[in-house]
Amino acid sequence: MDHSDLLEPFDRMLAAIAAPEAVRAIEHGASPDAMWGAVAASGFLDALVPEAAGGFGLPAAAVQPLWQALGRHAVPLPVGETMIARALLAGAGVAAPGGPIVLTVAEPGQPVVVPLGRIAHHALVEQGDRIGLVEIALDETAVTGVAASLAARIACPPLGEAFGAPPGGLRPLAAILRAALIAGAADRVVTMTASYANERVQFGKPIGRQQALQQNMAVMAEDAVAARIASQLGCAAGFPPPLAAAATAKSVASSAAARIAATAHAVHGAIGISEEHDLQLFTRRLHEWRLADGSESWWNRLLGTARLASDAGSVDFVRAELDAKRPAV
């Protein structure tokens, strides 16, 4: 099967189970079990698991469109995180639990904010150079105080059974996932904003005909494309990705997320932040994913440190990084 053939059934499934009403219901306390059951039954959770271990054995580049679709539908489940966790567990010969898994880096007892922590049954935790599964009990998590957020503040215990962390740890893997989610949500926000601008009439004509607004929307669309390309490059670099690829993907996507959300709300006006409007479902996630697993400034510092450690000039440094990640023909 052509890997591109996987997106259509995956996207169709998400459209059926993760309509905005269903997303809102879970954000307000409804059980996610039915939605999770549909995803688990589809088999897509094992997309990254090697074929020898019973999975699809797909490269990260082939899974990137699926992660992007999760962002485009604002899916309130850690689907991408569970895909990554199941692949790492399979590689270590550890049986994966059946429920949702989140990813985090935390020292023992250190409270950390984990996206979708309120939904997860387990966390794959990195402590030092080891990673292991930790069971999450709902009564041991704390909400963050952000309206409708499914993130949770979790204090992870010391790891019991653990195995070696992948090169670079969990953060580069989480970074390329977040970049793909941002790219998907950004694409949805651009489409929603363009539609609204063409429908909203002011002074006898659609506001989308105003030159200043058109300019801002063109920049927003450019940011969305940049986030998508950066995400694709990050995922094409391998599983796990090298630091430079992950840093570039997350930095570009995170930087674009804030600008895209700001422009979308400027065009929509006050209605965009209302509970009844779907826009805020996506812009809230853009801001959350921007900060999760390192903002653009955090990754820029790592990328800058890697550049300064190289004796090559900037152009040669970029060429060397690209050559190192170009797949063999």
Protein backbone atom coordinates (compact mmCIF):
# COMPACT_ATOMS: atom_id res chain seq x y z
CA MET A 1 0.00 0.00 0.00
CA ASP A 2 1.14 3.52 -0.79
CA HIS A 3 1.63 5.30 2.53
CA SER A 4 -0.45 8.23 1.25
CA ASP A 5 -3.46 5.86 1.08
CA LEU A 6 -3.52 5.70 4.88
CA LEU A 7 -4.52 9.34 5.36
CA GLU A 8 -7.97 9.15 3.78
CA PRO A 9 -9.41 6.42 6.07
CA PHE A 10 -7.68 7.94 9.11
CA ASP A 11 -9.06 11.40 8.35
CA ARG A 12 -12.53 9.96 7.68
CA MET A 13 -12.46 8.20 11.05
CA LEU A 14 -11.44 11.38 12.87
CA ALA A 15 -14.17 13.39 11.16
CA ALA A 16 -16.72 10.84 12.38
CA ILE A 17 -15.58 10.55 16.01
CA ALA A 18 -14.03 13.96 16.76
CA ALA A 19 -16.61 16.49 15.63
CA PRO A 20 -16.37 19.79 17.57
CA GLU A 21 -19.33 18.76 19.76
CA ALA A 22 -17.54 15.57 20.79
CA VAL A 23 -14.33 17.49 21.52
CA ARG A 24 -16.21 19.96 23.71
CA ALA A 25 -17.94 17.14 25.57
CA ILE A 26 -14.65 15.52 26.54
CA GLU A 27 -13.17 18.87 27.54
CA HIS A 28 -16.12 19.30 29.90
CA GLY A 29 -15.78 15.91 31.56
CA ALA A 30 -17.43 13.36 29.27
CA SER A 31 -15.75 9.97 29.01
CA PRO A 32 -13.21 9.64 26.17
CA ASP A 33 -13.54 5.84 26.17
CA ALA A 34 -15.75 5.55 23.08
CA MET A 35 -13.52 7.84 21.02
CA TRP A 36 -10.40 6.06 22.22
CA GLY A 37 -11.95 2.67 21.49
CA ALA A 38 -12.57 3.68 17.89
CA VAL A 39 -8.97 4.80 17.44
CA ALA A 40 -7.57 1.68 19.12
CA ALA A 41 -9.76 -0.60 17.00
CA SER A 42 -8.47 1.03 13.81
CA GLY A 43 -4.95 -0.31 14.39
CA PHE A 44 -3.31 3.05 13.70
CA LEU A 45 -1.78 3.18 17.19
CA ASP A 46 0.80 0.66 15.95
CA ALA A 47 1.72 2.66 12.87
CA LEU A 48 5.34 3.13 14.05
CA VAL A 49 5.71 -0.31 15.64
CA PRO A 50 8.03 -2.58 13.58
CA GLU A 51 6.32 -5.22 11.47
CA ALA A 52 8.19 -7.93 13.35
CA ALA A 53 6.41 -6.77 16.50
CA GLY A 54 2.99 -6.74 14.83
CA GLY A 55 2.86 -3.11 13.70
CA PHE A 56 2.77 -1.24 10.40
CA GLY A 57 6.50 -0.47 10.46
CA LEU A 58 5.96 2.98 8.94
CA PRO A 59 8.66 5.67 8.94
CA ALA A 60 7.93 8.91 10.76
CA ALA A 61 7.63 10.71 7.42
CA ALA A 62 4.64 8.51 6.51
CA VAL A 63 3.01 9.08 9.90
CA GLN A 64 3.41 12.88 9.73
CA PRO A 65 0.18 13.38 7.71
CA LEU A 66 -1.70 11.35 10.33
CA TRP A 67 -0.36 13.52 13.15
CA GLN A 68 -1.25 16.59 11.13
CA ALA A 69 -4.81 15.26 10.77
CA LEU A 70 -5.03 14.96 14.57
CA GLY A 71 -4.29 18.67 14.84
CA ARG A 72 -6.70 19.53 12.04
CA HIS A 73 -9.53 17.84 13.98
CA ALA A 74 -8.44 19.01 17.47
CA VAL A 75 -8.55 15.39 18.66
CA PRO A 76 -8.63 15.45 22.49
CA LEU A 77 -6.66 12.21 22.87
CA PRO A 78 -2.90 11.46 23.02
CA VAL A 79 -2.98 9.43 19.80
CA GLY A 80 0.37 10.60 18.44
CA GLU A 81 2.01 10.23 21.84
CA THR A 82 0.73 6.67 22.13
CA MET A 83 2.03 5.84 18.65
CA ILE A 84 5.51 6.98 19.70
CA ALA A 85 5.33 5.23 23.07
CA ARG A 86 4.20 1.93 21.58
CA ALA A 87 7.04 2.01 19.05
CA LEU A 88 9.64 2.65 21.76
CA LEU A 89 8.17 -0.02 24.02
CA ALA A 90 8.12 -2.55 21.18
CA GLY A 91 11.74 -1.76 20.38
CA ALA A 92 12.65 -2.51 23.99
CA GLY A 93 10.61 -5.70 24.10
CA VAL A 94 8.15 -4.26 26.62
CA ALA A 95 4.44 -4.98 26.27
CA ALA A 96 2.41 -1.82 25.78
CA PRO A 97 -0.70 -1.18 27.89
CA GLY A 98 -4.00 -0.82 26.09
CA GLY A 99 -4.91 2.70 27.10
CA PRO A 100 -3.68 6.17 26.14
CA ILE A 101 -0.04 7.05 26.91
CA VAL A 102 1.54 10.50 27.20
CA LEU A 103 5.21 11.49 27.04
CA THR A 104 7.13 13.56 29.54
CA VAL A 105 10.57 14.32 30.93
CA ALA A 106 10.60 14.65 34.71
CA GLU A 107 12.78 14.01 37.70
CA PRO A 108 11.24 11.87 40.48
CA GLY A 109 8.64 13.85 42.39
CA GLN A 110 9.01 16.92 40.18
CA PRO A 111 5.57 18.21 39.09
CA VAL A 112 5.40 18.77 35.33
CA VAL A 113 2.56 19.90 33.08
CA VAL A 114 1.72 17.13 30.63
CA PRO A 115 -0.57 17.81 27.64
CA LEU A 116 -3.61 15.51 27.76
CA GLY A 117 -2.50 14.20 31.13
CA ARG A 118 -6.14 14.13 32.29
CA ILE A 119 -6.94 11.60 29.55
CA ALA A 120 -3.91 9.29 29.84
CA HIS A 121 -3.71 6.00 31.75
CA HIS A 122 0.10 5.84 31.58
CA ALA A 123 3.04 8.14 30.97
CA LEU A 124 6.27 7.17 29.29
CA VAL A 125 8.71 9.11 31.45
CA GLU A 126 12.33 10.02 30.80
CA GLN A 127 14.53 10.26 33.87
CA GLY A 128 18.21 10.70 33.15
CA ASP A 129 19.19 8.33 30.37
CA ARG A 130 16.37 5.87 31.09
CA ILE A 131 12.68 5.78 30.20
CA GLY A 132 9.88 3.73 31.68
CA LEU A 133 6.12 3.48 32.07
CA VAL A 134 4.36 5.10 34.99
CA GLU A 135 0.69 4.54 35.72
CA ILE A 136 -1.37 7.71 36.09
CA ALA A 137 -4.19 7.85 38.61
CA LEU A 138 -6.68 10.66 38.05
CA ASP A 139 -6.70 11.53 41.76
CA GLU A 140 -2.92 12.07 41.59
CA THR A 141 -3.13 14.72 38.88
CA ALA A 142 -3.88 18.41 39.21
CA VAL A 143 -5.59 20.62 36.65
CA THR A 144 -3.61 23.54 35.28
CA GLY A 145 -6.39 26.13 35.68
CA VAL A 146 -6.54 26.83 31.94
CA ALA A 147 -10.16 26.79 30.77
CA ALA A 148 -11.16 23.50 29.10
CA SER A 149 -7.55 22.30 28.96
CA LEU A 150 -6.97 18.55 29.23
CA ALA A 151 -3.40 19.05 30.42
CA ALA A 152 -2.54 17.94 33.94
CA ARG A 153 0.19 18.61 36.46
CA ILE A 154 1.74 15.26 37.35
CA ALA A 155 4.47 14.36 39.85
CA CYS A 156 6.11 11.22 38.49
CA PRO A 157 7.57 8.65 40.92
CA PRO A 158 10.99 7.04 40.39
CA LEU A 159 11.01 4.58 37.52
CA GLY A 160 10.71 0.91 38.25
CA GLU A 161 11.33 -1.24 35.19
CA ALA A 162 13.10 1.00 32.69
CA PHE A 163 15.18 0.84 29.54
CA GLY A 164 17.56 3.08 27.63
CA ALA A 165 16.21 6.32 26.24
CA PRO A 166 16.43 6.86 22.46
CA PRO A 167 19.24 9.11 21.18
CA GLY A 168 18.42 12.64 22.32
CA GLY A 169 15.71 11.40 24.69
CA LEU A 170 11.96 11.82 24.33
CA ARG A 171 11.91 15.54 23.61
CA PRO A 172 12.96 15.43 19.94
CA LEU A 173 10.23 12.87 19.26
CA ALA A 174 7.67 14.96 21.11
CA ALA A 175 8.88 18.03 19.21
CA ILE A 176 8.21 16.61 15.75
CA LEU A 177 4.79 15.44 16.95
CA ARG A 178 3.90 18.89 18.29
CA ALA A 179 5.10 20.52 15.08
CA ALA A 180 2.81 18.26 13.04
CA LEU A 181 -0.14 18.95 15.34
CA ILE A 182 0.49 22.69 15.01
CA ALA A 183 0.65 22.37 11.22
CA GLY A 184 -2.70 20.59 11.16
CA ALA A 185 -4.44 23.06 13.44
CA ALA A 186 -2.90 25.97 11.52
CA ASP A 187 -4.29 24.62 8.27
CA ARG A 188 -7.77 24.40 9.82
CA VAL A 189 -7.53 27.91 11.27
CA VAL A 190 -6.48 29.42 7.94
CA THR A 191 -9.43 27.76 6.20
CA MET A 192 -11.88 28.91 8.89
CA THR A 193 -10.55 32.46 8.80
CA ALA A 194 -10.73 32.73 5.02
CA SER A 195 -14.31 31.42 5.04
CA TYR A 196 -15.35 33.87 7.74
CA ALA A 197 -13.72 36.80 5.96
CA ASN A 198 -15.66 35.99 2.80
CA GLU A 199 -18.96 35.62 4.68
CA ARG A 200 -18.77 38.57 7.09
CA VAL A 201 -20.19 41.67 5.42
CA GLN A 202 -19.33 45.13 6.68
CA PHE A 203 -20.19 48.42 4.98
CA GLY A 204 -21.82 46.52 2.15
CA LYS A 205 -18.98 44.14 1.23
CA PRO A 206 -17.18 41.09 2.66
CA ILE A 207 -14.34 42.08 4.98
CA GLY A 208 -12.12 39.71 3.01
CA ARG A 209 -11.97 42.31 0.24
CA GLN A 210 -10.10 44.78 2.46
CA GLN A 211 -6.51 45.04 1.29
CA ALA A 212 -5.00 45.28 4.77
CA LEU A 213 -6.87 42.20 5.91
CA GLN A 214 -5.86 40.31 2.77
CA GLN A 215 -2.23 41.08 3.51
CA ASN A 216 -2.49 39.77 7.06
CA MET A 217 -4.24 36.62 5.89
CA ALA A 218 -1.60 36.04 3.22
CA VAL A 219 1.11 36.18 5.90
CA MET A 220 -0.95 33.80 8.05
CA ALA A 221 -1.17 31.33 5.16
CA GLU A 222 2.60 31.60 4.62
CA ASP A 223 3.17 30.80 8.30
CA ALA A 224 0.92 27.75 8.03
CA VAL A 225 2.84 26.47 5.00
CA ALA A 226 6.16 27.09 6.77
CA ALA A 227 4.95 25.09 9.79
CA ARG A 228 3.88 22.22 7.55
CA ILE A 229 7.17 22.11 5.63
CA ALA A 230 9.20 22.31 8.84
CA SER A 231 7.16 19.46 10.30
CA GLN A 232 7.66 17.34 7.19
CA LEU A 233 11.42 17.93 7.26
CA GLY A 234 11.58 17.05 10.95
CA CYS A 235 9.73 13.78 10.43
CA ALA A 236 11.71 12.93 7.29
CA ALA A 237 14.91 12.99 9.36
CA GLY A 238 14.14 9.65 10.98
CA PHE A 239 12.83 8.07 14.17
CA PRO A 240 14.15 9.38 16.45
CA PRO A 241 15.12 12.61 14.66
CA PRO A 242 18.50 14.33 15.11
CA LEU A 243 18.50 17.41 17.31
CA ALA A 244 18.82 19.90 14.46
CA ALA A 245 15.81 18.46 12.63
CA ALA A 246 13.62 18.39 15.74
CA ALA A 247 14.75 21.86 16.80
CA THR A 248 14.01 23.36 13.39
CA ALA A 249 10.59 21.73 13.15
CA LYS A 250 9.46 22.81 16.62
CA SER A 251 11.00 26.27 16.45
CA VAL A 252 9.40 27.18 13.13
CA ALA A 253 6.02 25.69 14.03
CA SER A 254 5.90 27.24 17.51
CA SER A 255 6.86 30.66 16.23
CA ALA A 256 4.16 30.49 13.56
CA ALA A 257 1.48 29.25 15.99
CA ALA A 258 1.21 32.47 17.98
CA ARG A 259 1.04 34.67 14.86
CA ILE A 260 -1.57 32.47 13.19
CA ALA A 261 -3.78 32.47 16.28
CA ALA A 262 -3.47 36.24 16.69
CA THR A 263 -4.43 36.97 13.08
CA ALA A 264 -7.35 34.54 13.18
CA HIS A 265 -8.81 36.22 16.26
CA ALA A 266 -8.21 39.68 14.83
CA VAL A 267 -10.26 38.75 11.75
CA HIS A 268 -13.03 36.98 13.69
CA GLY A 269 -13.31 39.62 16.39
CA ALA A 270 -14.97 38.83 19.71
CA ILE A 271 -16.98 35.90 18.37
CA GLY A 272 -13.81 33.84 17.90
CA ILE A 273 -13.17 33.51 21.64
CA SER A 274 -16.73 32.52 22.50
CA GLU A 275 -17.42 28.99 23.72
CA GLU A 276 -19.94 28.47 20.92
CA HIS A 277 -17.46 29.19 18.13
CA ASP A 278 -15.11 26.45 16.94
CA LEU A 279 -12.12 28.76 16.38
CA GLN A 280 -11.03 28.71 20.01
CA LEU A 281 -10.86 24.90 19.97
CA PHE A 282 -7.90 25.21 17.60
CA THR A 283 -6.22 28.43 18.74
CA ARG A 284 -6.11 27.21 22.35
CA ARG A 285 -4.30 24.14 21.12
CA LEU A 286 -1.91 26.19 19.00
CA HIS A 287 -0.81 28.05 22.14
CA GLU A 288 -0.61 24.88 24.25
CA TRP A 289 1.41 22.96 21.66
CA ARG A 290 3.66 25.95 21.11
CA LEU A 291 4.82 25.76 24.73
CA ALA A 292 4.73 21.98 25.14
CA ASP A 293 8.10 20.20 24.98
CA GLY A 294 10.01 23.44 24.52
CA SER A 295 8.97 26.73 22.95
CA GLU A 296 10.77 28.23 19.96
CA SER A 297 13.27 30.04 22.19
CA TRP A 298 14.19 26.80 24.01
CA TRP A 299 14.85 24.95 20.76
CA ASN A 300 16.60 27.94 19.20
CA ARG A 301 19.12 27.90 22.03
CA LEU A 302 19.88 24.23 21.39
CA LEU A 303 20.14 24.80 17.65
CA GLY A 304 22.40 27.81 18.19
CA THR A 305 24.63 25.83 20.54
CA ALA A 306 24.99 23.09 17.92
CA ARG A 307 25.87 25.67 15.27
CA LEU A 308 28.50 27.32 17.48
CA ALA A 309 30.04 23.94 18.25
CA SER A 310 30.65 23.36 14.54
CA ASP A 311 33.76 24.64 12.81
CA ALA A 312 31.85 25.04 9.54
CA GLY A 313 30.22 28.24 8.38
CA SER A 314 26.46 28.60 8.69
CA VAL A 315 25.75 27.58 5.09
CA ASP A 316 28.03 24.54 5.34
CA PHE A 317 26.46 23.64 8.69
CA VAL A 318 22.98 23.65 7.14
CA ARG A 319 24.20 21.66 4.12
CA ALA A 320 25.84 19.08 6.37
CA GLU A 321 22.65 18.69 8.42
CA LEU A 322 20.53 18.29 5.29
CA ASP A 323 22.94 15.79 3.75
CA ALA A 324 22.95 13.75 6.94
CA LYS A 325 19.15 13.45 6.81
CA ARG A 326 18.64 12.89 3.08
CA PRO A 327 17.22 9.37 2.69
CA ALA A 328 19.25 6.89 0.65
CA VAL A 329 17.96 6.27 -2.88
